Amino acid sequence: MSRIDRIRGTALPLRGDDVDTDRIIPARYLKAVTFEGLGEHAFEDDRSALAGTHPFDDPRFSEATVLVVNRNFGCGSSREHAPQALYRRGLRAILGEGFSEIFFGNSVALGLPCLTVSHADALALQELVEREPATPLSVDLVSRLVTAGAFEAPASLPAPAREAFLTGHWDGLGPLLERFEEVRALAARLPGEPPS
């Protein structure tokens, strides 16, 4: 697994409080057997309603790696498809005023850091990015700072999640898959039905 200590790139501003997972990825995409292709459907219904004026349709933000949101992002259902859709869209970090606990956990398991910034800093960063979309941005998990041009703001991340990213132990399934034959051998020694 890889250590995640800094994310660099540009940002995509998405304004609004209480953006729920139903909006991030509509329920009709939950039937997917894999998460492949979900990125193109992120915010599909919102994008359709806004007829091409949604930030995800704005070509100025097409290469963005950081999403800048407001309060209570990812609320609603526990669908892991929501952070998967954002990750597969190319986003590698989310900055916001706050996140739903389940969305946050699903994001950590995917390697998608969600860092909290103040209300004022979220708005200032959104305004900066809307005005100057090509501004290089850096999210530093070591120093817990976000920088974009002359803009600098503190960002917080719960200590266990930060430690997981900095040590590369954010993926709980990865070590099991890397040593799958050992897992299978252990399972065979346990009482009960042998694994198929």
N, C-alpha and C. Protein backbone atom coordinates (compact mmCIF):
# COMPACT_ATOMS: atom_id res chain seq x y z
N MET A 1 0.84 -1.18 0.00
CA MET A 1 0.00 0.00 0.00
C MET A 1 0.88 1.24 0.00
N SER A 2 0.34 2.30 -0.54
CA SER A 2 1.15 3.49 -0.66
C SER A 2 0.79 4.53 0.39
N ARG A 3 1.83 5.19 0.82
CA ARG A 3 1.68 6.30 1.75
C ARG A 3 1.06 7.48 1.01
N ILE A 4 0.15 8.18 1.65
CA ILE A 4 -0.45 9.38 1.07
C ILE A 4 -0.12 10.53 2.02
N ASP A 5 0.78 11.40 1.60
CA ASP A 5 1.14 12.51 2.47
C ASP A 5 0.87 13.88 1.87
N ARG A 6 0.73 13.93 0.54
CA ARG A 6 0.45 15.21 -0.11
C ARG A 6 -0.30 14.96 -1.41
N ILE A 7 -1.28 15.80 -1.65
CA ILE A 7 -2.04 15.75 -2.90
C ILE A 7 -1.85 17.10 -3.57
N ARG A 8 -1.42 17.08 -4.82
CA ARG A 8 -1.20 18.31 -5.57
C ARG A 8 -2.07 18.29 -6.82
N GLY A 9 -2.43 19.47 -7.26
CA GLY A 9 -3.20 19.58 -8.48
C GLY A 9 -3.99 20.88 -8.49
N THR A 10 -5.17 20.80 -9.05
CA THR A 10 -6.09 21.94 -9.04
C THR A 10 -7.36 21.50 -8.34
N ALA A 11 -8.24 22.47 -8.11
CA ALA A 11 -9.45 22.17 -7.34
C ALA A 11 -10.72 22.39 -8.14
N LEU A 12 -11.77 21.74 -7.67
CA LEU A 12 -13.11 21.88 -8.23
C LEU A 12 -14.01 22.35 -7.09
N PRO A 13 -14.61 23.53 -7.19
CA PRO A 13 -15.49 24.03 -6.14
C PRO A 13 -16.91 23.51 -6.31
N LEU A 14 -17.48 22.97 -5.25
CA LEU A 14 -18.87 22.50 -5.29
C LEU A 14 -19.58 23.10 -4.09
N ARG A 15 -20.39 24.09 -4.34
CA ARG A 15 -21.05 24.81 -3.25
C ARG A 15 -22.32 24.11 -2.79
N GLY A 16 -22.62 24.26 -1.51
CA GLY A 16 -23.87 23.74 -0.96
C GLY A 16 -23.65 22.87 0.26
N ASP A 17 -24.52 23.04 1.24
CA ASP A 17 -24.49 22.22 2.45
C ASP A 17 -25.34 20.97 2.25
N ASP A 18 -25.05 19.95 3.06
CA ASP A 18 -25.86 18.73 3.11
C ASP A 18 -26.01 18.03 1.75
N VAL A 19 -24.92 17.95 1.01
CA VAL A 19 -24.93 17.23 -0.27
C VAL A 19 -24.89 15.74 0.06
N ASP A 20 -25.98 15.05 -0.27
CA ASP A 20 -26.08 13.65 0.14
C ASP A 20 -25.59 12.69 -0.94
N THR A 21 -25.43 11.44 -0.51
CA THR A 21 -24.87 10.43 -1.42
C THR A 21 -25.80 10.12 -2.58
N ASP A 22 -27.11 10.36 -2.43
CA ASP A 22 -28.04 10.15 -3.54
C ASP A 22 -27.75 11.15 -4.67
N ARG A 23 -27.31 12.33 -4.30
CA ARG A 23 -26.94 13.32 -5.31
C ARG A 23 -25.57 13.00 -5.90
N ILE A 24 -24.65 12.54 -5.07
CA ILE A 24 -23.30 12.24 -5.57
C ILE A 24 -23.36 11.14 -6.62
N ILE A 25 -24.09 10.06 -6.33
CA ILE A 25 -24.26 8.99 -7.32
C ILE A 25 -25.69 8.48 -7.21
N PRO A 26 -26.51 8.71 -8.23
CA PRO A 26 -27.91 8.29 -8.18
C PRO A 26 -28.07 6.78 -7.94
N ALA A 27 -29.15 6.41 -7.28
CA ALA A 27 -29.39 5.02 -6.85
C ALA A 27 -29.37 4.03 -8.01
N ARG A 28 -29.74 4.43 -9.20
CA ARG A 28 -29.77 3.48 -10.32
C ARG A 28 -28.39 2.90 -10.63
N TYR A 29 -27.33 3.53 -10.15
CA TYR A 29 -25.98 3.03 -10.40
C TYR A 29 -25.48 2.11 -9.29
N LEU A 30 -26.31 1.84 -8.30
CA LEU A 30 -25.90 0.96 -7.21
C LEU A 30 -25.95 -0.50 -7.61
N LYS A 31 -26.54 -0.79 -8.75
CA LYS A 31 -26.64 -2.18 -9.22
C LYS A 31 -25.35 -2.67 -9.86
N ALA A 32 -24.40 -1.76 -10.05
CA ALA A 32 -23.14 -2.12 -10.71
C ALA A 32 -22.41 -3.20 -9.93
N VAL A 33 -21.88 -4.18 -10.64
CA VAL A 33 -21.12 -5.26 -10.02
C VAL A 33 -19.73 -4.77 -9.64
N THR A 34 -19.17 -3.87 -10.46
CA THR A 34 -17.88 -3.24 -10.13
C THR A 34 -18.12 -1.73 -10.08
N PHE A 35 -17.11 -1.02 -9.66
CA PHE A 35 -17.22 0.44 -9.59
C PHE A 35 -16.72 1.11 -10.86
N GLU A 36 -16.28 0.33 -11.83
CA GLU A 36 -15.76 0.88 -13.08
C GLU A 36 -16.81 1.77 -13.74
N GLY A 37 -16.38 2.91 -14.24
CA GLY A 37 -17.27 3.81 -14.97
C GLY A 37 -18.13 4.70 -14.12
N LEU A 38 -18.09 4.56 -12.79
CA LEU A 38 -18.94 5.39 -11.93
C LEU A 38 -18.58 6.86 -12.01
N GLY A 39 -17.32 7.17 -12.25
CA GLY A 39 -16.87 8.56 -12.27
C GLY A 39 -17.65 9.43 -13.23
N GLU A 40 -18.00 8.89 -14.38
CA GLU A 40 -18.73 9.69 -15.37
C GLU A 40 -20.17 9.97 -14.95
N HIS A 41 -20.66 9.24 -13.93
CA HIS A 41 -22.04 9.43 -13.48
C HIS A 41 -22.15 10.24 -12.19
N ALA A 42 -21.01 10.71 -11.66
CA ALA A 42 -21.05 11.52 -10.44
C ALA A 42 -21.91 12.76 -10.68
N PHE A 43 -22.84 12.99 -9.78
CA PHE A 43 -23.76 14.13 -9.83
C PHE A 43 -24.57 14.17 -11.12
N GLU A 44 -24.84 13.02 -11.68
CA GLU A 44 -25.51 12.97 -12.99
C GLU A 44 -26.86 13.69 -12.99
N ASP A 45 -27.69 13.47 -11.98
CA ASP A 45 -29.00 14.12 -11.98
C ASP A 45 -28.89 15.63 -11.78
N ASP A 46 -28.00 16.07 -10.89
CA ASP A 46 -27.77 17.51 -10.70
C ASP A 46 -27.24 18.12 -11.99
N ARG A 47 -26.33 17.43 -12.64
CA ARG A 47 -25.74 17.94 -13.88
C ARG A 47 -26.80 18.05 -14.97
N SER A 48 -27.67 17.06 -15.04
CA SER A 48 -28.74 17.09 -16.04
C SER A 48 -29.69 18.26 -15.78
N ALA A 49 -30.03 18.46 -14.51
CA ALA A 49 -30.95 19.55 -14.14
C ALA A 49 -30.34 20.92 -14.45
N LEU A 50 -29.03 21.02 -14.34
CA LEU A 50 -28.36 22.31 -14.58
C LEU A 50 -27.90 22.48 -16.03
N ALA A 51 -28.21 21.51 -16.86
CA ALA A 51 -27.98 21.60 -18.31
C ALA A 51 -26.60 22.11 -18.68
N GLY A 52 -25.56 21.45 -18.11
CA GLY A 52 -24.20 21.79 -18.49
C GLY A 52 -23.53 22.88 -17.68
N THR A 53 -24.23 23.44 -16.70
CA THR A 53 -23.62 24.52 -15.89
C THR A 53 -23.15 24.04 -14.52
N HIS A 54 -23.23 22.74 -14.26
CA HIS A 54 -22.73 22.18 -12.99
C HIS A 54 -21.21 22.23 -13.02
N PRO A 55 -20.56 22.44 -11.86
CA PRO A 55 -19.09 22.47 -11.84
C PRO A 55 -18.43 21.22 -12.42
N PHE A 56 -19.07 20.05 -12.30
CA PHE A 56 -18.49 18.83 -12.86
C PHE A 56 -18.52 18.82 -14.38
N ASP A 57 -19.30 19.72 -14.98
CA ASP A 57 -19.36 19.84 -16.44
C ASP A 57 -18.51 20.99 -16.96
N ASP A 58 -17.94 21.77 -16.06
CA ASP A 58 -17.16 22.94 -16.44
C ASP A 58 -15.76 22.48 -16.87
N PRO A 59 -15.38 22.71 -18.13
CA PRO A 59 -14.08 22.23 -18.61
C PRO A 59 -12.90 22.81 -17.83
N ARG A 60 -13.08 23.94 -17.16
CA ARG A 60 -11.99 24.54 -16.37
C ARG A 60 -11.58 23.63 -15.21
N PHE A 61 -12.49 22.74 -14.79
CA PHE A 61 -12.24 21.88 -13.64
C PHE A 61 -12.09 20.41 -14.02
N SER A 62 -11.97 20.11 -15.30
CA SER A 62 -11.98 18.72 -15.76
C SER A 62 -10.80 17.90 -15.26
N GLU A 63 -9.68 18.54 -14.94
CA GLU A 63 -8.50 17.82 -14.47
C GLU A 63 -8.29 17.98 -12.96
N ALA A 64 -9.26 18.52 -12.26
CA ALA A 64 -9.12 18.78 -10.82
C ALA A 64 -8.88 17.49 -10.04
N THR A 65 -8.04 17.58 -9.02
CA THR A 65 -7.76 16.44 -8.15
C THR A 65 -8.29 16.65 -6.73
N VAL A 66 -8.74 17.87 -6.42
CA VAL A 66 -9.24 18.18 -5.08
C VAL A 66 -10.63 18.80 -5.20
N LEU A 67 -11.57 18.27 -4.45
CA LEU A 67 -12.93 18.79 -4.41
C LEU A 67 -13.06 19.67 -3.17
N VAL A 68 -13.64 20.87 -3.33
CA VAL A 68 -13.83 21.78 -2.20
C VAL A 68 -15.33 21.93 -1.96
N VAL A 69 -15.78 21.48 -0.79
CA VAL A 69 -17.21 21.41 -0.47
C VAL A 69 -17.51 22.20 0.81
N ASN A 70 -18.77 22.15 1.20
CA ASN A 70 -19.19 22.89 2.39
C ASN A 70 -19.55 21.93 3.52
N ARG A 71 -20.65 22.21 4.23
CA ARG A 71 -20.98 21.50 5.47
C ARG A 71 -21.71 20.18 5.21
N ASN A 72 -21.38 19.15 6.00
CA ASN A 72 -22.09 17.86 6.02
C ASN A 72 -22.11 17.17 4.66
N PHE A 73 -20.97 17.15 4.01
CA PHE A 73 -20.88 16.52 2.69
C PHE A 73 -20.93 15.00 2.84
N GLY A 74 -21.68 14.34 1.95
CA GLY A 74 -21.77 12.88 1.95
C GLY A 74 -22.77 12.33 2.93
N CYS A 75 -23.72 13.15 3.37
CA CYS A 75 -24.75 12.66 4.30
C CYS A 75 -25.72 11.75 3.55
N GLY A 76 -26.65 11.18 4.27
CA GLY A 76 -27.63 10.29 3.64
C GLY A 76 -27.25 8.84 3.80
N SER A 77 -27.45 8.06 2.76
CA SER A 77 -27.21 6.62 2.84
C SER A 77 -25.73 6.31 2.96
N SER A 78 -25.44 5.07 3.29
CA SER A 78 -24.05 4.67 3.53
C SER A 78 -23.35 4.17 2.27
N ARG A 79 -23.90 4.41 1.11
CA ARG A 79 -23.36 3.81 -0.11
C ARG A 79 -21.89 4.15 -0.34
N GLU A 80 -21.09 3.11 -0.48
CA GLU A 80 -19.68 3.31 -0.78
C GLU A 80 -19.47 3.74 -2.23
N HIS A 81 -20.52 3.66 -3.02
CA HIS A 81 -20.44 4.08 -4.42
C HIS A 81 -20.14 5.58 -4.53
N ALA A 82 -20.54 6.36 -3.53
CA ALA A 82 -20.35 7.81 -3.61
C ALA A 82 -18.87 8.19 -3.63
N PRO A 83 -18.06 7.79 -2.64
CA PRO A 83 -16.64 8.12 -2.75
C PRO A 83 -15.97 7.41 -3.93
N GLN A 84 -16.45 6.22 -4.29
CA GLN A 84 -15.89 5.52 -5.46
C GLN A 84 -16.10 6.36 -6.72
N ALA A 85 -17.28 6.94 -6.88
CA ALA A 85 -17.57 7.76 -8.06
C ALA A 85 -16.65 8.98 -8.11
N LEU A 86 -16.43 9.60 -6.97
CA LEU A 86 -15.56 10.78 -6.92
C LEU A 86 -14.11 10.40 -7.22
N TYR A 87 -13.67 9.30 -6.63
CA TYR A 87 -12.31 8.83 -6.85
C TYR A 87 -12.10 8.49 -8.33
N ARG A 88 -13.07 7.81 -8.91
CA ARG A 88 -12.95 7.40 -10.31
C ARG A 88 -13.14 8.58 -11.27
N ARG A 89 -13.60 9.70 -10.76
CA ARG A 89 -13.67 10.95 -11.53
C ARG A 89 -12.29 11.61 -11.57
N GLY A 90 -11.36 11.14 -10.70
CA GLY A 90 -10.01 11.69 -10.68
C GLY A 90 -9.69 12.50 -9.44
N LEU A 91 -10.65 12.59 -8.53
CA LEU A 91 -10.42 13.36 -7.31
C LEU A 91 -9.59 12.53 -6.33
N ARG A 92 -8.63 13.16 -5.67
CA ARG A 92 -7.74 12.45 -4.75
C ARG A 92 -7.77 13.01 -3.34
N ALA A 93 -8.55 14.07 -3.11
CA ALA A 93 -8.75 14.61 -1.77
C ALA A 93 -10.01 15.48 -1.80
N ILE A 94 -10.63 15.60 -0.64
CA ILE A 94 -11.79 16.48 -0.50
C ILE A 94 -11.55 17.39 0.69
N LEU A 95 -11.75 18.67 0.48
CA LEU A 95 -11.67 19.67 1.55
C LEU A 95 -13.06 20.18 1.80
N GLY A 96 -13.46 20.25 3.06
CA GLY A 96 -14.80 20.75 3.35
C GLY A 96 -14.98 21.13 4.80
N GLU A 97 -16.13 21.71 5.08
CA GLU A 97 -16.45 22.15 6.44
C GLU A 97 -16.81 20.98 7.34
N GLY A 98 -17.23 19.87 6.76
CA GLY A 98 -17.57 18.69 7.53
C GLY A 98 -18.10 17.58 6.64
N PHE A 99 -17.98 16.36 7.15
CA PHE A 99 -18.34 15.18 6.36
C PHE A 99 -19.20 14.24 7.19
N SER A 100 -20.09 13.53 6.52
CA SER A 100 -20.83 12.45 7.18
C SER A 100 -19.82 11.41 7.64
N GLU A 101 -20.06 10.83 8.80
CA GLU A 101 -19.13 9.86 9.37
C GLU A 101 -18.95 8.63 8.47
N ILE A 102 -20.05 8.12 7.91
CA ILE A 102 -19.95 6.92 7.07
C ILE A 102 -19.24 7.26 5.76
N PHE A 103 -19.57 8.39 5.16
CA PHE A 103 -18.90 8.81 3.93
C PHE A 103 -17.40 8.96 4.20
N PHE A 104 -17.06 9.56 5.31
CA PHE A 104 -15.66 9.75 5.68
C PHE A 104 -14.95 8.40 5.77
N GLY A 105 -15.56 7.44 6.48
CA GLY A 105 -14.95 6.11 6.63
C GLY A 105 -14.79 5.39 5.30
N ASN A 106 -15.81 5.47 4.46
CA ASN A 106 -15.71 4.84 3.14
C ASN A 106 -14.61 5.48 2.30
N SER A 107 -14.44 6.78 2.45
CA SER A 107 -13.40 7.49 1.71
C SER A 107 -12.01 7.08 2.18
N VAL A 108 -11.82 6.98 3.49
CA VAL A 108 -10.52 6.56 4.03
C VAL A 108 -10.16 5.18 3.49
N ALA A 109 -11.12 4.26 3.49
CA ALA A 109 -10.86 2.89 3.02
C ALA A 109 -10.47 2.86 1.55
N LEU A 110 -10.79 3.91 0.83
CA LEU A 110 -10.49 4.00 -0.60
C LEU A 110 -9.18 4.75 -0.87
N GLY A 111 -8.66 5.43 0.15
CA GLY A 111 -7.46 6.25 -0.04
C GLY A 111 -7.79 7.64 -0.51
N LEU A 112 -8.96 8.15 -0.09
CA LEU A 112 -9.43 9.48 -0.47
C LEU A 112 -9.54 10.34 0.79
N PRO A 113 -8.49 11.08 1.15
CA PRO A 113 -8.53 11.89 2.37
C PRO A 113 -9.60 12.98 2.31
N CYS A 114 -10.34 13.13 3.40
CA CYS A 114 -11.34 14.18 3.56
C CYS A 114 -10.89 15.06 4.72
N LEU A 115 -10.41 16.25 4.42
CA LEU A 115 -9.89 17.15 5.44
C LEU A 115 -10.86 18.29 5.70
N THR A 116 -10.95 18.67 6.96
CA THR A 116 -11.87 19.71 7.37
C THR A 116 -11.16 21.06 7.43
N VAL A 117 -11.82 22.06 6.86
CA VAL A 117 -11.35 23.45 6.93
C VAL A 117 -12.49 24.29 7.50
N SER A 118 -12.18 25.49 7.92
CA SER A 118 -13.21 26.36 8.49
C SER A 118 -14.19 26.81 7.41
N HIS A 119 -15.33 27.30 7.85
CA HIS A 119 -16.34 27.83 6.93
C HIS A 119 -15.74 28.94 6.08
N ALA A 120 -15.06 29.87 6.73
CA ALA A 120 -14.47 31.00 6.00
C ALA A 120 -13.42 30.53 5.00
N ASP A 121 -12.60 29.56 5.38
CA ASP A 121 -11.57 29.07 4.47
C ASP A 121 -12.16 28.29 3.30
N ALA A 122 -13.22 27.52 3.55
CA ALA A 122 -13.88 26.80 2.45
C ALA A 122 -14.43 27.79 1.43
N LEU A 123 -15.10 28.83 1.92
CA LEU A 123 -15.67 29.83 1.01
C LEU A 123 -14.58 30.59 0.26
N ALA A 124 -13.52 30.97 0.97
CA ALA A 124 -12.43 31.71 0.33
C ALA A 124 -11.76 30.85 -0.75
N LEU A 125 -11.57 29.58 -0.47
CA LEU A 125 -10.94 28.70 -1.45
C LEU A 125 -11.86 28.47 -2.65
N GLN A 126 -13.15 28.30 -2.40
CA GLN A 126 -14.09 28.15 -3.52
C GLN A 126 -14.08 29.39 -4.40
N GLU A 127 -14.09 30.56 -3.78
CA GLU A 127 -14.06 31.81 -4.55
C GLU A 127 -12.78 31.93 -5.36
N LEU A 128 -11.64 31.61 -4.74
CA LEU A 128 -10.35 31.66 -5.44
C LEU A 128 -10.34 30.74 -6.65
N VAL A 129 -10.81 29.52 -6.46
CA VAL A 129 -10.79 28.54 -7.56
C VAL A 129 -11.77 28.92 -8.66
N GLU A 130 -12.90 29.47 -8.31
CA GLU A 130 -13.85 29.92 -9.33
C GLU A 130 -13.26 31.07 -10.15
N ARG A 131 -12.52 31.93 -9.50
CA ARG A 131 -11.90 33.09 -10.15
C ARG A 131 -10.67 32.68 -10.96
N GLU A 132 -9.85 31.77 -10.39
CA GLU A 132 -8.59 31.36 -11.01
C GLU A 132 -8.47 29.83 -10.97
N PRO A 133 -9.19 29.13 -11.85
CA PRO A 133 -9.25 27.66 -11.80
C PRO A 133 -7.92 26.94 -11.97
N ALA A 134 -6.95 27.57 -12.60
CA ALA A 134 -5.66 26.91 -12.83
C ALA A 134 -4.70 27.05 -11.65
N THR A 135 -5.13 27.67 -10.57
CA THR A 135 -4.26 27.87 -9.41
C THR A 135 -3.79 26.53 -8.86
N PRO A 136 -2.48 26.30 -8.79
CA PRO A 136 -1.97 25.04 -8.21
C PRO A 136 -2.33 24.98 -6.73
N LEU A 137 -2.74 23.81 -6.29
CA LEU A 137 -3.17 23.61 -4.92
C LEU A 137 -2.42 22.43 -4.33
N SER A 138 -2.11 22.53 -3.04
CA SER A 138 -1.43 21.44 -2.34
C SER A 138 -2.14 21.18 -1.02
N VAL A 139 -2.43 19.90 -0.79
CA VAL A 139 -3.01 19.46 0.48
C VAL A 139 -1.94 18.61 1.15
N ASP A 140 -1.38 19.12 2.24
CA ASP A 140 -0.27 18.47 2.92
C ASP A 140 -0.76 17.83 4.22
N LEU A 141 -0.78 16.51 4.26
CA LEU A 141 -1.26 15.80 5.45
C LEU A 141 -0.24 15.84 6.59
N VAL A 142 1.02 16.04 6.28
CA VAL A 142 2.04 16.11 7.31
C VAL A 142 1.91 17.41 8.10
N SER A 143 1.92 18.53 7.38
CA SER A 143 1.82 19.84 8.03
C SER A 143 0.38 20.25 8.32
N ARG A 144 -0.58 19.53 7.73
CA ARG A 144 -2.00 19.85 7.84
C ARG A 144 -2.30 21.26 7.33
N LEU A 145 -1.73 21.55 6.16
CA LEU A 145 -1.94 22.85 5.52
C LEU A 145 -2.43 22.67 4.10
N VAL A 146 -3.28 23.59 3.69
CA VAL A 146 -3.74 23.69 2.31
C VAL A 146 -3.18 24.99 1.76
N THR A 147 -2.52 24.92 0.63
CA THR A 147 -2.01 26.13 -0.01
C THR A 147 -2.49 26.17 -1.45
N ALA A 148 -2.80 27.38 -1.89
CA ALA A 148 -3.21 27.62 -3.28
C ALA A 148 -2.79 29.04 -3.61
N GLY A 149 -1.69 29.19 -4.34
CA GLY A 149 -1.16 30.53 -4.58
C GLY A 149 -0.78 31.15 -3.25
N ALA A 150 -1.28 32.35 -2.98
CA ALA A 150 -0.99 33.05 -1.72
C ALA A 150 -1.90 32.57 -0.59
N PHE A 151 -2.90 31.78 -0.91
CA PHE A 151 -3.84 31.29 0.09
C PHE A 151 -3.20 30.16 0.90
N GLU A 152 -3.38 30.21 2.21
CA GLU A 152 -2.92 29.14 3.08
C GLU A 152 -3.91 29.00 4.22
N ALA A 153 -4.27 27.75 4.54
CA ALA A 153 -5.22 27.51 5.61
C ALA A 153 -4.91 26.19 6.31
N PRO A 154 -5.18 26.12 7.61
CA PRO A 154 -5.03 24.85 8.31
C PRO A 154 -6.15 23.90 7.92
N ALA A 155 -5.85 22.62 7.91
CA ALA A 155 -6.84 21.59 7.61
C ALA A 155 -6.68 20.48 8.63
N SER A 156 -7.78 19.93 9.09
CA SER A 156 -7.67 18.88 10.11
C SER A 156 -8.17 17.55 9.57
N LEU A 157 -7.66 16.52 10.19
CA LEU A 157 -8.00 15.14 9.85
C LEU A 157 -7.86 14.35 11.14
N PRO A 158 -8.85 13.53 11.51
CA PRO A 158 -8.71 12.76 12.75
C PRO A 158 -7.38 11.98 12.76
N ALA A 159 -6.77 11.94 13.93
CA ALA A 159 -5.43 11.33 14.07
C ALA A 159 -5.35 9.91 13.51
N PRO A 160 -6.31 9.01 13.79
CA PRO A 160 -6.17 7.65 13.23
C PRO A 160 -6.17 7.62 11.70
N ALA A 161 -7.00 8.45 11.07
CA ALA A 161 -7.04 8.48 9.60
C ALA A 161 -5.75 9.09 9.06
N ARG A 162 -5.28 10.15 9.69
CA ARG A 162 -4.03 10.78 9.25
C ARG A 162 -2.87 9.79 9.35
N GLU A 163 -2.79 9.08 10.47
CA GLU A 163 -1.73 8.09 10.66
C GLU A 163 -1.82 6.98 9.61
N ALA A 164 -3.04 6.55 9.31
CA ALA A 164 -3.22 5.49 8.30
C ALA A 164 -2.70 5.94 6.94
N PHE A 165 -3.02 7.18 6.56
CA PHE A 165 -2.53 7.69 5.27
C PHE A 165 -1.01 7.84 5.27
N LEU A 166 -0.47 8.38 6.36
CA LEU A 166 0.97 8.66 6.41
C LEU A 166 1.81 7.38 6.49
N THR A 167 1.25 6.31 7.02
CA THR A 167 1.98 5.05 7.10
C THR A 167 1.66 4.10 5.95
N GLY A 168 0.64 4.45 5.17
CA GLY A 168 0.24 3.58 4.06
C GLY A 168 -0.65 2.44 4.49
N HIS A 169 -1.22 2.51 5.69
CA HIS A 169 -2.08 1.43 6.19
C HIS A 169 -3.57 1.81 6.15
N TRP A 170 -3.97 2.58 5.17
CA TRP A 170 -5.36 3.00 5.05
C TRP A 170 -6.25 1.92 4.44
N ASP A 171 -5.67 0.96 3.77
CA ASP A 171 -6.44 -0.08 3.08
C ASP A 171 -6.45 -1.36 3.90
N GLY A 172 -7.55 -1.62 4.62
CA GLY A 172 -7.64 -2.80 5.46
C GLY A 172 -7.70 -4.10 4.69
N LEU A 173 -8.15 -4.07 3.46
CA LEU A 173 -8.29 -5.28 2.66
C LEU A 173 -6.99 -5.65 1.92
N GLY A 174 -6.19 -4.65 1.60
CA GLY A 174 -4.97 -4.87 0.83
C GLY A 174 -4.04 -5.93 1.40
N PRO A 175 -3.69 -5.85 2.70
CA PRO A 175 -2.78 -6.86 3.26
C PRO A 175 -3.34 -8.28 3.18
N LEU A 176 -4.66 -8.41 3.31
CA LEU A 176 -5.27 -9.74 3.20
C LEU A 176 -5.15 -10.29 1.78
N LEU A 177 -5.37 -9.42 0.80
CA LEU A 177 -5.27 -9.86 -0.59
C LEU A 177 -3.83 -10.16 -0.98
N GLU A 178 -2.88 -9.40 -0.42
CA GLU A 178 -1.48 -9.65 -0.72
C GLU A 178 -1.03 -11.02 -0.20
N ARG A 179 -1.65 -11.47 0.86
CA ARG A 179 -1.25 -12.75 1.48
C ARG A 179 -2.43 -13.72 1.47
N PHE A 180 -3.13 -13.75 0.33
CA PHE A 180 -4.37 -14.51 0.24
C PHE A 180 -4.19 -16.00 0.53
N GLU A 181 -3.09 -16.59 0.06
CA GLU A 181 -2.89 -18.02 0.30
C GLU A 181 -2.74 -18.31 1.79
N GLU A 182 -2.11 -17.41 2.53
CA GLU A 182 -2.00 -17.59 3.98
C GLU A 182 -3.38 -17.48 4.64
N VAL A 183 -4.18 -16.56 4.17
CA VAL A 183 -5.54 -16.39 4.69
C VAL A 183 -6.35 -17.66 4.41
N ARG A 184 -6.25 -18.18 3.20
CA ARG A 184 -6.97 -19.40 2.82
C ARG A 184 -6.52 -20.58 3.69
N ALA A 185 -5.22 -20.70 3.94
CA ALA A 185 -4.69 -21.79 4.77
C ALA A 185 -5.19 -21.69 6.21
N LEU A 186 -5.22 -20.47 6.74
CA LEU A 186 -5.75 -20.27 8.09
C LEU A 186 -7.23 -20.62 8.15
N ALA A 187 -7.98 -20.17 7.16
CA ALA A 187 -9.42 -20.46 7.13
C ALA A 187 -9.67 -21.97 7.08
N ALA A 188 -8.83 -22.70 6.37
CA ALA A 188 -8.98 -24.15 6.27
C ALA A 188 -8.76 -24.84 7.61
N ARG A 189 -7.96 -24.25 8.48
CA ARG A 189 -7.68 -24.84 9.79
C ARG A 189 -8.76 -24.51 10.84
N LEU A 190 -9.61 -23.56 10.54
CA LEU A 190 -10.64 -23.16 11.50
C LEU A 190 -11.80 -24.16 11.49
N PRO A 191 -12.48 -24.32 12.63
CA PRO A 191 -13.63 -25.23 12.66
C PRO A 191 -14.75 -24.73 11.75
N GLY A 192 -15.53 -25.66 11.23
CA GLY A 192 -16.65 -25.29 10.36
C GLY A 192 -16.41 -25.72 8.94
N GLU A 193 -17.23 -25.19 8.06
CA GLU A 193 -17.13 -25.53 6.64
C GLU A 193 -15.84 -24.98 6.05
N PRO A 194 -15.13 -25.77 5.25
CA PRO A 194 -13.93 -25.25 4.58
C PRO A 194 -14.35 -24.23 3.51
N PRO A 195 -13.50 -23.22 3.27
CA PRO A 195 -13.85 -22.22 2.25
C PRO A 195 -13.83 -22.84 0.85
N SER A 196 -14.65 -22.33 -0.01
CA SER A 196 -14.69 -22.85 -1.39
C SER A 196 -13.76 -22.08 -2.28
